[in-house]
Amino acid sequence: MKEREFRPIRKKYCGFCKDSLEPDFKDSVSLRRFVTDRGKIVARVKSGVCFKHQKNLSNAIKKSRYMALLPFSVVVR
């Protein structure tokens, strides 16, 4: 049996905590980084955001969608 090669896991740090920022619904350019091309909110594991900021981020994205700064979904044909 072949042994697995383990790579050291690099810990992701929350970008909001590091820069002491809060997600803002008016800043649609930075919020697009946390939304997929289909319009879904990126998971915490992939984005590397802490629990507190992920909750604030999802609320900011939803508010931004409601104010028509971000699209709800993208039509793919």
Protein backbone atom coordinates (compact mmCIF):
# COMPACT_ATOMS: atom_id res chain seq x y z
CA MET A 1 0.00 0.00 0.00
CA LYS A 2 1.22 3.44 -0.87
CA GLU A 3 1.66 5.88 2.00
CA ARG A 4 0.03 9.26 1.75
CA GLU A 5 2.13 12.33 1.48
CA PHE A 6 0.91 14.97 3.86
CA ARG A 7 1.46 18.61 3.11
CA PRO A 8 1.60 21.02 6.01
CA ILE A 9 -1.73 22.82 6.27
CA ARG A 10 -1.40 26.56 5.90
CA LYS A 11 -3.77 28.34 8.23
CA LYS A 12 -5.97 30.95 6.59
CA TYR A 13 -6.38 34.21 8.41
CA CYS A 14 -9.45 36.39 8.19
CA GLY A 15 -8.67 39.40 6.01
CA PHE A 16 -11.19 41.53 7.89
CA CYS A 17 -9.63 40.74 11.29
CA LYS A 18 -6.12 41.29 9.98
CA ASP A 19 -6.91 44.75 8.58
CA SER A 20 -9.49 45.53 11.31
CA LEU A 21 -12.26 46.18 8.76
CA GLU A 22 -15.94 45.34 8.60
CA PRO A 23 -17.83 44.21 5.46
CA ASP A 24 -19.79 47.10 3.98
CA PHE A 25 -22.78 46.62 1.67
CA LYS A 26 -21.94 49.80 -0.28
CA ASP A 27 -18.53 48.44 -1.35
CA SER A 28 -19.78 46.11 -4.08
CA VAL A 29 -16.33 45.75 -5.66
CA SER A 30 -14.86 44.02 -2.61
CA LEU A 31 -18.03 41.99 -2.02
CA ARG A 32 -17.76 40.45 -5.50
CA ARG A 33 -14.70 38.56 -4.27
CA PHE A 34 -16.96 36.57 -1.95
CA VAL A 35 -19.62 35.75 -4.56
CA THR A 36 -19.22 33.06 -7.24
CA ASP A 37 -19.82 33.69 -10.91
CA ARG A 38 -23.26 32.06 -10.46
CA GLY A 39 -24.16 34.48 -7.65
CA LYS A 40 -23.72 32.19 -4.65
CA ILE A 41 -22.01 33.33 -1.46
CA VAL A 42 -18.63 31.61 -1.00
CA ALA A 43 -18.31 29.31 2.00
CA ARG A 44 -16.20 30.19 5.02
CA VAL A 45 -13.75 27.36 4.36
CA LYS A 46 -12.94 28.63 0.87
CA SER A 47 -12.88 32.34 1.63
CA GLY A 48 -10.90 32.04 4.86
CA VAL A 49 -13.13 34.46 6.76
CA CYS A 50 -13.87 33.97 10.47
CA PHE A 51 -17.38 33.11 11.72
CA LYS A 52 -18.22 36.61 12.90
CA HIS A 53 -17.21 38.30 9.66
CA GLN A 54 -18.84 35.58 7.52
CA LYS A 55 -22.21 36.39 9.14
CA ASN A 56 -21.64 40.12 8.58
CA LEU A 57 -20.44 39.42 5.03
CA SER A 58 -23.52 37.40 4.09
CA ASN A 59 -25.79 40.10 5.51
CA ALA A 60 -23.87 42.77 3.57
CA ILE A 61 -24.16 40.76 0.33
CA LYS A 62 -27.90 40.26 0.85
CA LYS A 63 -28.39 43.95 1.60
CA SER A 64 -26.30 44.89 -1.43
CA ARG A 65 -28.47 42.64 -3.61
CA TYR A 66 -31.61 44.25 -2.24
CA MET A 67 -30.23 47.72 -3.04
CA ALA A 68 -29.38 46.48 -6.58
CA LEU A 69 -25.62 46.91 -6.19
CA LEU A 70 -25.04 43.18 -6.76
CA PRO A 71 -27.11 40.85 -8.94
CA PHE A 72 -29.17 38.07 -7.32
CA SER A 73 -28.11 35.61 -10.00
CA VAL A 74 -26.48 35.56 -13.39
CA VAL A 75 -28.40 34.35 -16.42
CA VAL A 76 -26.34 31.69 -18.21
CA ARG A 77 -27.34 30.63 -21.71
